[in-house]
Structures are given as C-alpha cells and as structure tokens.
C-alpha cells in the first residue's frame, strides 16, 4: 500500500490576492489594462500590483510565498526537500536590467542569477533547509511535475517532508511570444464562447508543504 501524503500548508499569490481564501471568494476577474506592459500589448493582463518592481520579480514572488508557508520546524534542515516548477525565473531580470535592443554584456550573460535553477538555492537559504532541491521547466505542467516528484521523494524515503509548487511572472518574452502565436485575446477572454478568440496571460504562484499524515500530526 502506497504511503499517503498530506498537504499541510499552502501559500498562494496572484492578481486575485495574496491568500488562499482570496482565491476562493467566487468568480472574480483580476485582469486589467493598466499594467507595465502596455507599450508591448494593448490587452488585459493579470498583474500582481504590489509585487516588487525590482530586477528579479520571480525571486520576490517565491520569497513572499515561502514566508507565508506553515513552518516545518519539527524536521531537521536536511530532511526537507524543495521541488519547484517555473519557466520565467531569472528571465525577467535579463530584460529588466537592459534597454532595447537588449544587447547583453558578458557580465550579464554569465551572471548565475539569470539561470533558471538559481531560485532553488535562493529559496533554500530563505527557508533554512538543506535537503535536495530541483527545478522543473516543463511549461504548463511544471508545477504538477514538482508536486508529483515531491510526493515520490517522500514515499521513497529520500526526504521526510517537502516544499513544492511553482510560480511565474510576466515578462516581455512571455507576452510577445504568446502574441506572436496569435493566441491572445485582446479583450477579456471567453473560454466557453463559440466565438472565443484566445487566452489572457497572468502571473502568480503557489507553494505547498507536503508530509505524511502521521508526521504532520506529531
């Protein structure tokens, strides 16, 4: 019989709010045309308005999510693993540190903070854990992959608990990439309408703490 894994904590943040409860308050729309990317796209986007405007918003989002999680203080630091799904972590700082036409210097090109996986050691330091850490970049399935890998790691005894989830922020690359594919709706999308035109982009994330039920009750 497979070991059951319990989700014992959750932190969420998006254009809808900064708490789990805020995301369950009925059907609301967090899209707006008033956003920092109006020079790139005249369309609604889901922007986290109070997120830091610094050079690496993905790291800031990850840090605020981790700060809202239930502490895993009943585990030794090496017993907790980190499993993250993301696509744009590090990429947005590449654009935010430059001006068009984005001609990178060698220093920018080799700066480790622009690597996709750099958010993992950053969060490990912030959480105070030393267990294994992985970053998965499998597009829309990245967060689901991270949760599945965390579950498997606990079941196999590689870690006793895990922090898992994912996050992405809006970037010029993401916005222009989806727009070039001609799959963005320049009005609020209507996913079930027979004359639907596409989707709207947004940013956000969620992190979960995973444990076995017995350890969670201890």
N, C-alpha and C. Protein backbone atom coordinates (compact mmCIF):
# COMPACT_ATOMS: atom_id res chain seq x y z
N UNK A 1 0.84 -1.20 0.00
CA UNK A 1 0.00 0.00 0.00
C UNK A 1 0.88 1.25 0.00
N UNK A 2 0.60 2.18 -0.89
CA UNK A 2 1.40 3.38 -1.01
C UNK A 2 1.18 4.30 0.20
N UNK A 3 2.26 4.96 0.59
CA UNK A 3 2.19 5.91 1.69
C UNK A 3 1.36 7.12 1.30
N UNK A 4 0.43 7.48 2.13
CA UNK A 4 -0.37 8.68 1.87
C UNK A 4 0.44 9.92 2.16
N UNK A 5 0.26 10.93 1.34
CA UNK A 5 0.95 12.19 1.52
C UNK A 5 -0.09 13.28 1.74
N UNK A 6 0.13 14.10 2.76
CA UNK A 6 -0.83 15.15 3.09
C UNK A 6 -0.26 16.52 2.73
N UNK A 7 -1.12 17.39 2.22
CA UNK A 7 -0.77 18.79 2.04
C UNK A 7 -1.14 19.51 3.33
N UNK A 8 -0.15 20.00 4.04
CA UNK A 8 -0.38 20.56 5.36
C UNK A 8 -0.24 22.09 5.40
N UNK A 9 0.12 22.69 4.29
CA UNK A 9 0.23 24.14 4.24
C UNK A 9 0.20 24.62 2.81
N UNK A 10 -0.31 25.81 2.61
CA UNK A 10 -0.39 26.37 1.26
C UNK A 10 -0.22 27.88 1.32
N UNK A 11 0.49 28.41 0.35
CA UNK A 11 0.62 29.85 0.16
C UNK A 11 0.37 30.16 -1.30
N UNK A 12 -0.51 31.14 -1.56
CA UNK A 12 -0.88 31.48 -2.93
C UNK A 12 -0.81 32.98 -3.13
N UNK A 13 -0.49 33.38 -4.35
CA UNK A 13 -0.49 34.81 -4.66
C UNK A 13 -0.68 34.99 -6.16
N UNK A 14 -1.60 35.87 -6.52
CA UNK A 14 -1.86 36.19 -7.92
C UNK A 14 -2.55 37.55 -7.97
N UNK A 15 -3.07 37.89 -9.13
CA UNK A 15 -3.81 39.14 -9.26
C UNK A 15 -5.10 39.12 -8.46
N UNK A 16 -5.53 37.95 -8.02
CA UNK A 16 -6.75 37.83 -7.21
C UNK A 16 -6.51 38.09 -5.73
N UNK A 17 -5.27 38.02 -5.28
CA UNK A 17 -5.00 38.26 -3.88
C UNK A 17 -3.76 37.54 -3.39
N UNK A 18 -3.48 37.67 -2.10
CA UNK A 18 -2.27 37.13 -1.50
C UNK A 18 -2.54 36.02 -0.49
N UNK A 19 -3.77 35.50 -0.44
CA UNK A 19 -4.10 34.43 0.49
C UNK A 19 -4.88 33.34 -0.23
N UNK A 20 -4.89 32.16 0.39
CA UNK A 20 -5.67 31.05 -0.15
C UNK A 20 -7.15 31.39 -0.18
N UNK A 21 -7.61 32.07 0.88
CA UNK A 21 -9.03 32.42 0.98
C UNK A 21 -9.44 33.39 -0.14
N UNK A 22 -8.55 34.31 -0.49
CA UNK A 22 -8.86 35.30 -1.52
C UNK A 22 -9.12 34.65 -2.87
N UNK A 23 -8.53 33.47 -3.09
CA UNK A 23 -8.72 32.79 -4.37
C UNK A 23 -9.98 31.94 -4.42
N UNK A 24 -10.70 31.87 -3.32
CA UNK A 24 -11.92 31.08 -3.29
C UNK A 24 -13.17 31.90 -3.04
N UNK A 25 -13.07 33.20 -3.25
CA UNK A 25 -14.20 34.08 -2.96
C UNK A 25 -15.11 34.28 -4.17
N UNK A 26 -15.36 33.22 -4.89
CA UNK A 26 -16.27 33.31 -6.03
C UNK A 26 -15.57 33.76 -7.30
N UNK A 27 -16.36 33.87 -8.34
CA UNK A 27 -15.82 34.22 -9.66
C UNK A 27 -15.50 35.71 -9.71
N UNK A 28 -14.20 36.03 -9.78
CA UNK A 28 -13.77 37.41 -9.92
C UNK A 28 -12.74 37.49 -11.03
N UNK A 29 -12.56 38.67 -11.54
CA UNK A 29 -11.60 38.87 -12.63
C UNK A 29 -10.47 39.75 -12.13
N UNK A 30 -9.25 39.26 -12.22
CA UNK A 30 -8.09 40.04 -11.81
C UNK A 30 -7.37 40.70 -12.96
N UNK A 31 -7.99 40.71 -14.12
CA UNK A 31 -7.34 41.27 -15.32
C UNK A 31 -7.49 42.78 -15.36
N UNK A 32 -6.49 43.43 -15.94
CA UNK A 32 -6.53 44.88 -16.08
C UNK A 32 -5.75 45.31 -17.32
N UNK A 33 -6.15 46.43 -17.88
CA UNK A 33 -5.40 47.03 -19.00
C UNK A 33 -4.34 48.01 -18.49
N UNK A 34 -4.38 48.33 -17.21
CA UNK A 34 -3.40 49.26 -16.63
C UNK A 34 -2.26 48.43 -16.05
N UNK A 35 -1.23 48.23 -16.83
CA UNK A 35 -0.11 47.39 -16.41
C UNK A 35 1.19 47.91 -17.04
N UNK A 36 2.33 47.45 -16.55
CA UNK A 36 3.62 47.97 -17.04
C UNK A 36 3.96 47.55 -18.47
N UNK A 37 3.14 46.70 -19.08
CA UNK A 37 3.49 46.18 -20.40
C UNK A 37 2.59 46.74 -21.49
N UNK A 38 1.95 47.88 -21.22
CA UNK A 38 1.05 48.47 -22.22
C UNK A 38 1.78 48.86 -23.51
N UNK A 39 3.08 49.16 -23.41
CA UNK A 39 3.84 49.51 -24.61
C UNK A 39 4.07 48.29 -25.50
N UNK A 40 3.88 47.09 -24.94
CA UNK A 40 4.05 45.86 -25.71
C UNK A 40 2.73 45.28 -26.18
N UNK A 41 1.70 45.42 -25.36
CA UNK A 41 0.44 44.73 -25.66
C UNK A 41 -0.74 45.51 -25.10
N UNK A 42 -1.65 45.87 -25.98
CA UNK A 42 -2.89 46.53 -25.56
C UNK A 42 -3.94 45.45 -25.33
N UNK A 43 -3.83 44.81 -24.19
CA UNK A 43 -4.73 43.72 -23.84
C UNK A 43 -4.71 43.55 -22.33
N UNK A 44 -5.76 42.95 -21.76
CA UNK A 44 -5.79 42.73 -20.31
C UNK A 44 -4.75 41.70 -19.88
N UNK A 45 -4.11 41.96 -18.74
CA UNK A 45 -3.17 41.03 -18.14
C UNK A 45 -3.46 40.91 -16.65
N UNK A 46 -3.12 39.78 -16.08
CA UNK A 46 -3.28 39.59 -14.65
C UNK A 46 -1.97 39.87 -13.95
N UNK A 47 -1.81 41.08 -13.43
CA UNK A 47 -0.55 41.53 -12.83
C UNK A 47 -0.70 41.62 -11.31
N UNK A 48 0.30 41.16 -10.58
CA UNK A 48 0.33 41.32 -9.13
C UNK A 48 0.80 42.73 -8.85
N UNK A 49 -0.13 43.59 -8.48
CA UNK A 49 0.15 45.03 -8.42
C UNK A 49 1.18 45.39 -7.35
N UNK A 50 1.17 44.70 -6.20
CA UNK A 50 2.06 45.09 -5.11
C UNK A 50 3.34 44.28 -5.05
N UNK A 51 3.64 43.54 -6.12
CA UNK A 51 4.89 42.79 -6.18
C UNK A 51 6.03 43.76 -6.47
N UNK A 52 7.18 43.49 -5.90
CA UNK A 52 8.33 44.37 -6.08
C UNK A 52 8.61 44.61 -7.56
N UNK A 53 9.02 45.83 -7.87
CA UNK A 53 9.38 46.19 -9.24
C UNK A 53 10.87 46.03 -9.48
N UNK A 54 11.54 45.25 -8.65
CA UNK A 54 12.98 45.06 -8.76
C UNK A 54 13.36 44.24 -9.97
N UNK A 55 14.67 43.97 -10.12
CA UNK A 55 15.15 43.29 -11.33
C UNK A 55 14.77 41.82 -11.40
N UNK A 56 14.38 41.21 -10.31
CA UNK A 56 14.02 39.80 -10.36
C UNK A 56 12.73 39.56 -9.58
N UNK A 57 11.61 39.80 -10.22
CA UNK A 57 10.30 39.71 -9.58
C UNK A 57 9.96 38.26 -9.25
N UNK A 58 10.47 37.31 -10.02
CA UNK A 58 10.19 35.90 -9.73
C UNK A 58 10.76 35.49 -8.38
N UNK A 59 11.98 35.95 -8.07
CA UNK A 59 12.57 35.65 -6.78
C UNK A 59 11.75 36.30 -5.67
N UNK A 60 11.30 37.52 -5.89
CA UNK A 60 10.49 38.21 -4.89
C UNK A 60 9.17 37.48 -4.64
N UNK A 61 8.56 37.00 -5.71
CA UNK A 61 7.32 36.24 -5.58
C UNK A 61 7.55 34.96 -4.80
N UNK A 62 8.62 34.23 -5.14
CA UNK A 62 8.94 32.98 -4.45
C UNK A 62 9.19 33.23 -2.96
N UNK A 63 9.89 34.31 -2.65
CA UNK A 63 10.21 34.63 -1.27
C UNK A 63 8.95 34.94 -0.46
N UNK A 64 8.03 35.71 -1.04
CA UNK A 64 6.81 36.05 -0.31
C UNK A 64 5.92 34.82 -0.12
N UNK A 65 5.93 33.93 -1.09
CA UNK A 65 5.17 32.68 -0.93
C UNK A 65 5.76 31.85 0.21
N UNK A 66 7.08 31.71 0.21
CA UNK A 66 7.73 30.90 1.25
C UNK A 66 7.50 31.48 2.63
N UNK A 67 7.47 32.81 2.73
CA UNK A 67 7.27 33.45 4.03
C UNK A 67 5.88 33.19 4.59
N UNK A 68 4.91 32.84 3.72
CA UNK A 68 3.54 32.60 4.15
C UNK A 68 3.26 31.13 4.46
N UNK A 69 4.24 30.26 4.24
CA UNK A 69 4.04 28.84 4.45
C UNK A 69 4.09 28.46 5.92
N UNK A 70 3.41 27.37 6.23
CA UNK A 70 3.49 26.79 7.57
C UNK A 70 4.91 26.28 7.80
N UNK A 71 5.58 26.68 8.87
CA UNK A 71 6.96 26.23 9.12
C UNK A 71 7.02 24.72 9.32
N UNK A 72 8.13 24.13 8.88
CA UNK A 72 8.36 22.70 9.07
C UNK A 72 9.46 22.52 10.12
N UNK A 73 9.22 23.09 11.30
CA UNK A 73 10.24 23.15 12.34
C UNK A 73 10.50 21.82 13.02
N UNK A 74 9.58 20.84 12.86
CA UNK A 74 9.78 19.55 13.51
C UNK A 74 10.61 18.60 12.65
N UNK A 75 11.29 19.15 11.63
CA UNK A 75 12.20 18.36 10.80
C UNK A 75 13.59 19.00 10.86
N UNK A 76 14.60 18.18 10.72
CA UNK A 76 15.95 18.71 10.57
C UNK A 76 16.07 19.35 9.18
N UNK A 77 16.91 20.36 9.02
CA UNK A 77 17.02 21.04 7.72
C UNK A 77 17.29 20.10 6.55
N UNK A 78 18.09 19.04 6.77
CA UNK A 78 18.43 18.14 5.66
C UNK A 78 17.29 17.18 5.32
N UNK A 79 16.25 17.15 6.14
CA UNK A 79 15.13 16.23 5.91
C UNK A 79 14.05 16.83 5.00
N UNK A 80 14.17 18.09 4.65
CA UNK A 80 13.15 18.77 3.85
C UNK A 80 13.70 19.07 2.46
N UNK A 81 12.97 18.63 1.43
CA UNK A 81 13.37 18.87 0.05
C UNK A 81 12.57 20.01 -0.57
N UNK A 82 13.08 20.51 -1.68
CA UNK A 82 12.45 21.63 -2.39
C UNK A 82 12.24 21.23 -3.84
N UNK A 83 10.99 21.36 -4.32
CA UNK A 83 10.65 20.95 -5.68
C UNK A 83 9.83 22.07 -6.33
N UNK A 84 10.41 22.71 -7.34
CA UNK A 84 9.81 23.91 -7.92
C UNK A 84 9.56 23.76 -9.40
N UNK A 85 8.46 24.33 -9.87
CA UNK A 85 8.17 24.41 -11.28
C UNK A 85 8.13 25.87 -11.71
N UNK A 86 8.87 26.23 -12.74
CA UNK A 86 8.87 27.61 -13.23
C UNK A 86 9.38 27.64 -14.66
N UNK A 87 9.07 28.70 -15.35
CA UNK A 87 9.54 28.88 -16.73
C UNK A 87 10.28 30.19 -16.89
N UNK A 88 9.87 31.22 -16.14
CA UNK A 88 10.42 32.56 -16.35
C UNK A 88 11.36 33.01 -15.25
N UNK A 89 11.62 32.19 -14.24
CA UNK A 89 12.50 32.61 -13.16
C UNK A 89 13.88 32.95 -13.71
N UNK A 90 14.33 34.18 -13.48
CA UNK A 90 15.61 34.62 -14.00
C UNK A 90 15.52 35.34 -15.33
N UNK A 91 14.53 34.97 -16.14
CA UNK A 91 14.41 35.56 -17.47
C UNK A 91 14.00 37.02 -17.38
N UNK A 92 13.08 37.34 -16.45
CA UNK A 92 12.59 38.71 -16.39
C UNK A 92 13.67 39.67 -15.96
N UNK A 93 14.62 39.20 -15.14
CA UNK A 93 15.71 40.08 -14.74
C UNK A 93 16.64 40.38 -15.91
N UNK A 94 16.73 39.46 -16.84
CA UNK A 94 17.52 39.67 -18.06
C UNK A 94 16.99 40.88 -18.83
N UNK A 95 15.67 40.97 -18.96
CA UNK A 95 15.08 42.10 -19.66
C UNK A 95 15.08 43.37 -18.82
N UNK A 96 14.83 43.23 -17.53
CA UNK A 96 14.72 44.40 -16.66
C UNK A 96 16.05 45.10 -16.43
N UNK A 97 17.15 44.40 -16.65
CA UNK A 97 18.47 45.00 -16.45
C UNK A 97 18.98 45.69 -17.72
N UNK A 98 18.23 45.62 -18.81
CA UNK A 98 18.71 46.14 -20.08
C UNK A 98 17.67 47.05 -20.71
N UNK A 99 18.08 47.73 -21.75
CA UNK A 99 17.18 48.56 -22.53
C UNK A 99 17.21 48.07 -23.97
N UNK A 100 16.15 48.29 -24.72
CA UNK A 100 16.17 47.87 -26.13
C UNK A 100 17.41 48.45 -26.82
N UNK A 101 18.05 47.70 -27.72
CA UNK A 101 17.62 46.40 -28.27
C UNK A 101 18.12 45.20 -27.50
N UNK A 102 18.36 45.32 -26.18
CA UNK A 102 18.76 44.19 -25.35
C UNK A 102 20.04 43.52 -25.87
N UNK A 103 21.11 44.24 -25.85
CA UNK A 103 22.41 43.70 -26.21
C UNK A 103 23.16 43.36 -24.93
N UNK A 104 23.18 42.10 -24.53
CA UNK A 104 23.74 41.74 -23.23
C UNK A 104 25.26 41.86 -23.18
N UNK A 105 25.77 42.24 -22.03
CA UNK A 105 27.21 42.27 -21.81
C UNK A 105 27.66 40.89 -21.36
N UNK A 106 28.96 40.59 -21.47
CA UNK A 106 29.45 39.29 -20.97
C UNK A 106 29.12 39.07 -19.50
N UNK A 107 29.17 40.16 -18.70
CA UNK A 107 28.86 40.01 -17.27
C UNK A 107 27.42 39.58 -17.06
N UNK A 108 26.49 40.14 -17.83
CA UNK A 108 25.09 39.73 -17.72
C UNK A 108 24.90 38.30 -18.19
N UNK A 109 25.57 37.96 -19.27
CA UNK A 109 25.41 36.63 -19.84
C UNK A 109 25.85 35.54 -18.88
N UNK A 110 26.90 35.81 -18.09
CA UNK A 110 27.46 34.81 -17.19
C UNK A 110 26.97 34.94 -15.76
N UNK A 111 26.10 35.88 -15.48
CA UNK A 111 25.61 36.08 -14.12
C UNK A 111 24.72 34.90 -13.72
N UNK A 112 25.07 34.17 -12.65
CA UNK A 112 24.30 32.97 -12.28
C UNK A 112 22.86 33.25 -11.87
N UNK A 113 22.53 34.50 -11.48
CA UNK A 113 21.15 34.77 -11.05
C UNK A 113 20.17 34.68 -12.21
N UNK A 114 20.67 34.70 -13.44
CA UNK A 114 19.79 34.60 -14.60
C UNK A 114 19.52 33.16 -15.01
N UNK A 115 20.15 32.21 -14.33
CA UNK A 115 19.89 30.80 -14.63
C UNK A 115 18.54 30.39 -14.05
N UNK A 116 17.84 29.55 -14.77
CA UNK A 116 16.51 29.11 -14.34
C UNK A 116 16.54 28.47 -12.96
N UNK A 117 17.58 27.70 -12.69
CA UNK A 117 17.65 26.98 -11.42
C UNK A 117 18.14 27.79 -10.25
N UNK A 118 18.50 29.05 -10.46
CA UNK A 118 19.08 29.87 -9.38
C UNK A 118 18.09 30.12 -8.26
N UNK A 119 16.80 30.02 -8.53
CA UNK A 119 15.80 30.27 -7.49
C UNK A 119 15.82 29.18 -6.42
N UNK A 120 16.31 27.99 -6.74
CA UNK A 120 16.31 26.90 -5.76
C UNK A 120 17.26 27.18 -4.59
N UNK A 121 18.55 27.46 -4.82
CA UNK A 121 19.41 27.80 -3.67
C UNK A 121 18.97 29.07 -2.95
N UNK A 122 18.38 30.01 -3.70
CA UNK A 122 17.85 31.22 -3.08
C UNK A 122 16.77 30.88 -2.07
N UNK A 123 15.82 30.02 -2.45
CA UNK A 123 14.74 29.66 -1.54
C UNK A 123 15.22 28.75 -0.41
N UNK A 124 16.17 27.88 -0.69
CA UNK A 124 16.71 27.03 0.38
C UNK A 124 17.29 27.89 1.50
N UNK A 125 18.02 28.91 1.14
CA UNK A 125 18.57 29.80 2.16
C UNK A 125 17.46 30.52 2.92
N UNK A 126 16.43 30.94 2.18
CA UNK A 126 15.34 31.67 2.81
C UNK A 126 14.54 30.77 3.76
N UNK A 127 14.36 29.51 3.39
CA UNK A 127 13.59 28.57 4.19
C UNK A 127 14.43 27.92 5.29
N UNK A 128 15.73 28.00 5.18
CA UNK A 128 16.59 27.38 6.17
C UNK A 128 16.65 25.87 6.06
N UNK A 129 16.53 25.34 4.83
CA UNK A 129 16.58 23.90 4.62
C UNK A 129 17.81 23.55 3.78
N UNK A 130 18.24 22.30 3.90
CA UNK A 130 19.45 21.87 3.19
C UNK A 130 19.25 20.57 2.41
N UNK A 131 18.00 20.12 2.30
CA UNK A 131 17.74 18.90 1.56
C UNK A 131 17.88 19.09 0.06
N UNK A 132 17.61 18.04 -0.71
CA UNK A 132 17.73 18.13 -2.17
C UNK A 132 16.77 19.16 -2.75
N UNK A 133 17.18 19.80 -3.83
CA UNK A 133 16.35 20.83 -4.46
C UNK A 133 16.37 20.64 -5.97
N UNK A 134 15.20 20.76 -6.58
CA UNK A 134 15.07 20.57 -8.03
C UNK A 134 14.16 21.65 -8.61
N UNK A 135 14.45 22.04 -9.85
CA UNK A 135 13.60 22.98 -10.58
C UNK A 135 13.20 22.31 -11.89
N UNK A 136 11.91 22.31 -12.17
CA UNK A 136 11.37 21.68 -13.38
C UNK A 136 10.81 22.75 -14.29
N UNK A 137 11.19 22.70 -15.56
CA UNK A 137 10.72 23.67 -16.54
C UNK A 137 10.04 22.93 -17.68
N UNK A 138 8.86 22.41 -17.40
CA UNK A 138 8.11 21.63 -18.39
C UNK A 138 6.86 22.39 -18.82
N UNK A 139 7.00 23.71 -18.97
CA UNK A 139 5.92 24.58 -19.43
C UNK A 139 4.72 24.48 -18.51
N UNK A 140 3.53 24.27 -19.06
CA UNK A 140 2.31 24.35 -18.26
C UNK A 140 2.20 23.25 -17.21
N UNK A 141 2.97 22.19 -17.34
CA UNK A 141 2.89 21.09 -16.37
C UNK A 141 3.93 21.19 -15.27
N UNK A 142 4.74 22.26 -15.24
CA UNK A 142 5.89 22.32 -14.34
C UNK A 142 5.51 22.15 -12.87
N UNK A 143 4.47 22.86 -12.43
CA UNK A 143 4.08 22.77 -11.02
C UNK A 143 3.54 21.39 -10.67
N UNK A 144 2.79 20.80 -11.59
CA UNK A 144 2.27 19.46 -11.35
C UNK A 144 3.41 18.45 -11.26
N UNK A 145 4.40 18.60 -12.11
CA UNK A 145 5.58 17.73 -12.06
C UNK A 145 6.30 17.89 -10.72
N UNK A 146 6.45 19.14 -10.27
CA UNK A 146 7.12 19.39 -9.00
C UNK A 146 6.40 18.71 -7.84
N UNK A 147 5.07 18.79 -7.81
CA UNK A 147 4.30 18.16 -6.75
C UNK A 147 4.42 16.63 -6.81
N UNK A 148 4.38 16.08 -8.02
CA UNK A 148 4.50 14.63 -8.17
C UNK A 148 5.88 14.14 -7.73
N UNK A 149 6.91 14.88 -8.08
CA UNK A 149 8.27 14.50 -7.69
C UNK A 149 8.45 14.59 -6.17
N UNK A 150 7.85 15.62 -5.57
CA UNK A 150 7.93 15.75 -4.11
C UNK A 150 7.24 14.57 -3.43
N UNK A 151 6.07 14.20 -3.92
CA UNK A 151 5.36 13.04 -3.38
C UNK A 151 6.22 11.79 -3.48
N UNK A 152 6.82 11.56 -4.65
CA UNK A 152 7.63 10.37 -4.85
C UNK A 152 8.86 10.37 -3.93
N UNK A 153 9.46 11.53 -3.75
CA UNK A 153 10.66 11.60 -2.90
C UNK A 153 10.33 11.24 -1.46
N UNK A 154 9.16 11.68 -0.97
CA UNK A 154 8.75 11.34 0.39
C UNK A 154 8.46 9.85 0.49
N UNK A 155 7.75 9.32 -0.49
CA UNK A 155 7.40 7.89 -0.47
C UNK A 155 8.64 7.01 -0.52
N UNK A 156 9.68 7.43 -1.23
CA UNK A 156 10.90 6.64 -1.36
C UNK A 156 11.87 6.86 -0.21
N UNK A 157 11.50 7.75 0.73
CA UNK A 157 12.35 7.99 1.88
C UNK A 157 13.54 8.89 1.61
N UNK A 158 13.54 9.59 0.47
CA UNK A 158 14.65 10.49 0.17
C UNK A 158 14.58 11.76 1.01
N UNK A 159 13.35 12.18 1.35
CA UNK A 159 13.13 13.29 2.26
C UNK A 159 11.95 12.92 3.15
N UNK A 160 11.83 13.60 4.28
CA UNK A 160 10.70 13.35 5.17
C UNK A 160 9.57 14.34 4.98
N UNK A 161 9.88 15.48 4.36
CA UNK A 161 8.88 16.49 4.05
C UNK A 161 9.38 17.29 2.86
N UNK A 162 8.48 18.07 2.27
CA UNK A 162 8.88 18.82 1.08
C UNK A 162 8.11 20.12 0.97
N UNK A 163 8.75 21.09 0.36
CA UNK A 163 8.07 22.30 -0.11
C UNK A 163 8.03 22.19 -1.62
N UNK A 164 6.82 22.27 -2.18
CA UNK A 164 6.67 22.06 -3.62
C UNK A 164 5.62 23.00 -4.20
N UNK A 165 5.77 23.32 -5.46
CA UNK A 165 4.81 24.18 -6.14
C UNK A 165 5.46 24.87 -7.31
N UNK A 166 4.95 26.04 -7.65
CA UNK A 166 5.51 26.74 -8.80
C UNK A 166 5.06 28.18 -8.87
N UNK A 167 5.70 28.94 -9.75
CA UNK A 167 5.39 30.35 -9.90
C UNK A 167 5.98 30.84 -11.22
N UNK A 168 5.36 31.85 -11.77
CA UNK A 168 5.87 32.52 -12.96
C UNK A 168 5.40 33.96 -12.94
N UNK A 169 6.22 34.85 -13.46
CA UNK A 169 5.84 36.26 -13.59
C UNK A 169 5.81 36.63 -15.06
N UNK A 170 5.13 37.71 -15.35
CA UNK A 170 5.05 38.19 -16.72
C UNK A 170 6.38 38.79 -17.14
N UNK A 171 6.77 38.52 -18.37
CA UNK A 171 8.00 39.06 -18.94
C UNK A 171 7.73 39.47 -20.38
N UNK A 172 8.54 40.36 -20.94
CA UNK A 172 8.38 40.70 -22.36
C UNK A 172 8.46 39.47 -23.27
N UNK A 173 9.33 38.53 -22.94
CA UNK A 173 9.45 37.33 -23.77
C UNK A 173 8.15 36.54 -23.78
N UNK A 174 7.56 36.37 -22.60
CA UNK A 174 6.30 35.62 -22.50
C UNK A 174 5.19 36.32 -23.26
N UNK A 175 5.05 37.60 -23.04
CA UNK A 175 3.97 38.37 -23.67
C UNK A 175 4.09 38.36 -25.18
N UNK A 176 5.28 38.70 -25.69
CA UNK A 176 5.46 38.76 -27.13
C UNK A 176 5.44 37.37 -27.76
N UNK A 177 5.92 36.38 -27.02
CA UNK A 177 5.89 35.02 -27.56
C UNK A 177 4.47 34.53 -27.78
N UNK A 178 3.60 34.71 -26.78
CA UNK A 178 2.21 34.30 -26.93
C UNK A 178 1.48 35.14 -27.98
N UNK A 179 1.83 36.42 -28.04
CA UNK A 179 1.19 37.28 -29.03
C UNK A 179 1.59 36.88 -30.44
N UNK A 180 2.84 36.50 -30.64
CA UNK A 180 3.29 36.04 -31.97
C UNK A 180 2.58 34.76 -32.39
N UNK A 181 2.19 33.96 -31.41
CA UNK A 181 1.43 32.74 -31.72
C UNK A 181 -0.03 33.03 -32.07
N UNK A 182 -0.43 34.30 -31.88
CA UNK A 182 -1.79 34.75 -32.19
C UNK A 182 -2.85 33.98 -31.39
N UNK A 183 -2.52 33.75 -30.12
CA UNK A 183 -3.48 33.04 -29.27
C UNK A 183 -3.94 33.88 -28.09
N UNK A 184 -3.61 35.19 -28.09
CA UNK A 184 -4.07 36.08 -27.03
C UNK A 184 -5.35 36.78 -27.44
N UNK A 185 -6.26 36.87 -26.49
CA UNK A 185 -7.46 37.67 -26.68
C UNK A 185 -7.14 39.09 -26.23
N UNK A 186 -7.39 40.08 -27.07
CA UNK A 186 -7.09 41.46 -26.71
C UNK A 186 -8.22 42.10 -25.91
N UNK A 187 -9.23 41.33 -25.60
CA UNK A 187 -10.25 41.68 -24.63
C UNK A 187 -10.26 40.59 -23.57
N UNK A 188 -11.14 40.69 -22.59
CA UNK A 188 -11.23 39.64 -21.58
C UNK A 188 -11.69 38.35 -22.25
N UNK A 189 -10.96 37.28 -22.06
CA UNK A 189 -11.24 36.04 -22.80
C UNK A 189 -12.58 35.43 -22.40
N UNK A 190 -13.13 34.67 -23.33
CA UNK A 190 -14.41 33.96 -23.12
C UNK A 190 -14.18 32.50 -23.48
N UNK A 191 -13.62 31.71 -22.58
CA UNK A 191 -13.15 30.36 -22.93
C UNK A 191 -14.21 29.41 -23.44
N UNK A 192 -15.48 29.60 -23.06
CA UNK A 192 -16.51 28.66 -23.49
C UNK A 192 -17.45 29.25 -24.53
N UNK A 193 -17.11 30.40 -25.05
CA UNK A 193 -17.95 31.06 -26.05
C UNK A 193 -17.63 30.49 -27.44
N UNK A 194 -18.64 30.29 -28.29
CA UNK A 194 -18.37 29.73 -29.62
C UNK A 194 -17.48 30.64 -30.47
N UNK A 195 -17.41 31.94 -30.13
CA UNK A 195 -16.57 32.85 -30.89
C UNK A 195 -15.37 33.32 -30.05
N UNK A 196 -14.90 32.45 -29.17
CA UNK A 196 -13.74 32.79 -28.34
C UNK A 196 -12.52 33.07 -29.24
N UNK A 197 -11.65 33.97 -28.74
CA UNK A 197 -10.52 34.40 -29.55
C UNK A 197 -9.16 34.00 -28.99
N UNK A 198 -9.13 33.52 -27.77
CA UNK A 198 -7.85 33.14 -27.20
C UNK A 198 -7.84 33.26 -25.69
N UNK A 199 -6.65 33.47 -25.13
CA UNK A 199 -6.49 33.49 -23.68
C UNK A 199 -5.90 34.82 -23.23
N UNK A 200 -5.92 35.03 -21.92
CA UNK A 200 -5.25 36.17 -21.29
C UNK A 200 -4.12 35.66 -20.41
N UNK A 201 -3.01 36.36 -20.39
CA UNK A 201 -1.87 35.97 -19.57
C UNK A 201 -1.94 36.60 -18.18
N UNK A 202 -1.37 35.92 -17.21
CA UNK A 202 -1.31 36.45 -15.85
C UNK A 202 -0.10 35.86 -15.15
N UNK A 203 0.22 36.40 -13.98
CA UNK A 203 1.33 35.89 -13.19
C UNK A 203 0.83 35.47 -11.81
N UNK A 204 1.58 34.59 -11.19
CA UNK A 204 1.18 34.13 -9.87
C UNK A 204 1.94 32.88 -9.48
N UNK A 205 1.59 32.34 -8.31
CA UNK A 205 2.27 31.14 -7.87
C UNK A 205 1.64 30.56 -6.62
N UNK A 206 2.07 29.35 -6.30
CA UNK A 206 1.61 28.67 -5.08
C UNK A 206 2.69 27.71 -4.62
N UNK A 207 2.88 27.63 -3.32
CA UNK A 207 3.77 26.66 -2.71
C UNK A 207 3.00 25.87 -1.67
N UNK A 208 3.34 24.59 -1.54
CA UNK A 208 2.67 23.69 -0.60
C UNK A 208 3.71 22.99 0.27
N UNK A 209 3.33 22.68 1.50
CA UNK A 209 4.14 21.79 2.33
C UNK A 209 3.51 20.41 2.29
N UNK A 210 4.34 19.41 2.06
CA UNK A 210 3.90 18.02 1.95
C UNK A 210 4.56 17.18 3.04
N UNK A 211 3.77 16.35 3.71
CA UNK A 211 4.26 15.45 4.75
C UNK A 211 3.40 14.20 4.75
N UNK A 212 3.86 13.18 5.46
CA UNK A 212 2.97 12.05 5.73
C UNK A 212 2.01 12.47 6.83
N UNK A 213 0.78 11.98 6.82
CA UNK A 213 -0.18 12.38 7.86
C UNK A 213 0.31 12.13 9.28
N UNK A 214 1.03 11.02 9.49
CA UNK A 214 1.49 10.69 10.84
C UNK A 214 2.49 11.73 11.33
N UNK A 215 3.43 12.13 10.47
CA UNK A 215 4.41 13.14 10.87
C UNK A 215 3.75 14.50 11.04
N UNK A 216 2.75 14.79 10.22
CA UNK A 216 2.07 16.08 10.32
C UNK A 216 1.35 16.24 11.64
N UNK A 217 0.85 15.10 12.22
CA UNK A 217 0.12 15.15 13.49
C UNK A 217 1.06 15.16 14.69
N UNK A 218 2.34 14.82 14.44
CA UNK A 218 3.28 14.68 15.55
C UNK A 218 3.53 16.02 16.24
